Amino acid sequence: MPAQRLRDWVAISGTRLKRDRPTRQISWPGEPPTNAVEDVVIGDRDEDFVQFVVDDVARRRDAEASLYSRGESN
């Protein structure tokens, strides 16, 4: 049963090996319609992951530098 639930959620999310789709947003009655959700093509999953890690390390390094420049510490 849990395996089927996982398959259902993966199908709903729209994530595949070569493309990804942001989570769809539903507008409530009376709200303006939401923007269309477009698939994002994933050309090289390994390269994308490496770039994510590089960007994340830089973001964390900047956050740490900002923390110490304000004189705050744990």
C-alpha atoms as a PDB file:
ATOM      1  CA  MET A   1       0.000   0.000   0.000  1.00  0.00           C
ATOM      2  CA  PRO A   2       2.727   2.614   0.828  1.00  0.00           C
ATOM      3  CA  ALA A   3       4.463   1.900  -2.513  1.00  0.00           C
ATOM      4  CA  GLN A   4       1.279   2.703  -4.424  1.00  0.00           C
ATOM      5  CA  ARG A   5       0.857   5.930  -2.460  1.00  0.00           C
ATOM      6  CA  LEU A   6       4.419   6.923  -3.383  1.00  0.00           C
ATOM      7  CA  ARG A   7       3.762   6.167  -7.067  1.00  0.00           C
ATOM      8  CA  ASP A   8       0.601   8.289  -6.926  1.00  0.00           C
ATOM      9  CA  TRP A   9       2.433  11.271  -5.399  1.00  0.00           C
ATOM     10  CA  VAL A  10       5.279  11.026  -7.912  1.00  0.00           C
ATOM     11  CA  ALA A  11       2.730  10.980 -10.749  1.00  0.00           C
ATOM     12  CA  ILE A  12       0.991  14.036  -9.287  1.00  0.00           C
ATOM     13  CA  SER A  13       4.265  15.948  -8.826  1.00  0.00           C
ATOM     14  CA  GLY A  14       5.194  15.522 -12.480  1.00  0.00           C
ATOM     15  CA  THR A  15       8.851  14.781 -11.794  1.00  0.00           C
ATOM     16  CA  ARG A  16      10.534  12.519 -14.333  1.00  0.00           C
ATOM     17  CA  LEU A  17      14.167  11.717 -15.164  1.00  0.00           C
ATOM     18  CA  LYS A  18      14.378  14.270 -18.001  1.00  0.00           C
ATOM     19  CA  ARG A  19      11.876  16.912 -16.863  1.00  0.00           C
ATOM     20  CA  ASP A  20      10.415  18.446 -13.750  1.00  0.00           C
ATOM     21  CA  ARG A  21       7.293  20.442 -13.087  1.00  0.00           C
ATOM     22  CA  PRO A  22       6.683  22.801 -10.169  1.00  0.00           C
ATOM     23  CA  THR A  23       3.775  21.914  -7.911  1.00  0.00           C
ATOM     24  CA  ARG A  24       0.520  23.011  -9.455  1.00  0.00           C
ATOM     25  CA  GLN A  25      -1.433  25.653  -7.597  1.00  0.00           C
ATOM     26  CA  ILE A  26      -5.219  25.639  -7.637  1.00  0.00           C
ATOM     27  CA  SER A  27      -7.100  28.910  -7.320  1.00  0.00           C
ATOM     28  CA  TRP A  28     -10.172  29.064  -5.136  1.00  0.00           C
ATOM     29  CA  PRO A  29     -13.509  30.223  -6.572  1.00  0.00           C
ATOM     30  CA  GLY A  30     -13.474  34.000  -6.870  1.00  0.00           C
ATOM     31  CA  GLU A  31      -9.676  34.198  -7.038  1.00  0.00           C
ATOM     32  CA  PRO A  32      -7.841  35.096 -10.231  1.00  0.00           C
ATOM     33  CA  PRO A  33      -6.640  32.070 -12.188  1.00  0.00           C
ATOM     34  CA  THR A  34      -3.142  30.831 -11.457  1.00  0.00           C
ATOM     35  CA  ASN A  35      -0.331  30.949 -13.993  1.00  0.00           C
ATOM     36  CA  ALA A  36       0.168  27.921 -16.201  1.00  0.00           C
ATOM     37  CA  VAL A  37       2.782  25.463 -14.955  1.00  0.00           C
ATOM     38  CA  GLU A  38       5.411  24.548 -17.528  1.00  0.00           C
ATOM     39  CA  ASP A  39       7.725  21.544 -17.450  1.00  0.00           C
ATOM     40  CA  VAL A  40      11.421  22.269 -16.937  1.00  0.00           C
ATOM     41  CA  VAL A  41      13.707  20.147 -19.101  1.00  0.00           C
ATOM     42  CA  ILE A  42      16.589  18.562 -17.202  1.00  0.00           C
ATOM     43  CA  GLY A  43      19.420  18.255 -19.704  1.00  0.00           C
ATOM     44  CA  ASP A  44      22.091  16.820 -17.423  1.00  0.00           C
ATOM     45  CA  ARG A  45      20.918  15.748 -13.972  1.00  0.00           C
ATOM     46  CA  ASP A  46      24.490  15.249 -12.679  1.00  0.00           C
ATOM     47  CA  GLU A  47      25.578  18.716 -13.820  1.00  0.00           C
ATOM     48  CA  ASP A  48      22.432  20.255 -12.300  1.00  0.00           C
ATOM     49  CA  PHE A  49      23.136  18.549  -8.964  1.00  0.00           C
ATOM     50  CA  VAL A  50      26.768  19.695  -8.904  1.00  0.00           C
ATOM     51  CA  GLN A  51      25.647  23.274  -9.645  1.00  0.00           C
ATOM     52  CA  PHE A  52      23.042  23.046  -6.860  1.00  0.00           C
ATOM     53  CA  VAL A  53      25.715  21.958  -4.373  1.00  0.00           C
ATOM     54  CA  VAL A  54      28.135  24.713  -5.483  1.00  0.00           C
ATOM     55  CA  ASP A  55      25.381  27.342  -5.171  1.00  0.00           C
ATOM     56  CA  ASP A  56      24.267  25.992  -1.784  1.00  0.00           C
ATOM     57  CA  VAL A  57      27.820  26.043  -0.380  1.00  0.00           C
ATOM     58  CA  ALA A  58      28.251  29.642  -1.588  1.00  0.00           C
ATOM     59  CA  ARG A  59      24.917  30.636  -0.018  1.00  0.00           C
ATOM     60  CA  ARG A  60      25.888  29.070   3.309  1.00  0.00           C
ATOM     61  CA  ARG A  61      29.336  30.674   3.201  1.00  0.00           C
ATOM     62  CA  ASP A  62      27.746  34.100   2.578  1.00  0.00           C
ATOM     63  CA  ALA A  63      25.266  33.572   5.424  1.00  0.00           C
ATOM     64  CA  GLU A  64      28.088  32.621   7.789  1.00  0.00           C
ATOM     65  CA  ALA A  65      30.188  35.631   6.758  1.00  0.00           C
ATOM     66  CA  SER A  66      27.171  37.895   7.277  1.00  0.00           C
ATOM     67  CA  LEU A  67      26.582  36.436  10.729  1.00  0.00           C
ATOM     68  CA  TYR A  68      30.167  37.015  11.835  1.00  0.00           C
ATOM     69  CA  SER A  69      30.320  40.497  10.298  1.00  0.00           C
ATOM     70  CA  ARG A  70      27.378  41.503  12.515  1.00  0.00           C
ATOM     71  CA  GLY A  71      29.286  40.239  15.564  1.00  0.00           C
ATOM     72  CA  GLU A  72      26.761  37.490  16.316  1.00  0.00           C
ATOM     73  CA  SER A  73      27.804  34.032  17.332  1.00  0.00           C
ATOM     74  CA  ASN A  74      26.177  30.982  18.798  1.00  0.00           C
END
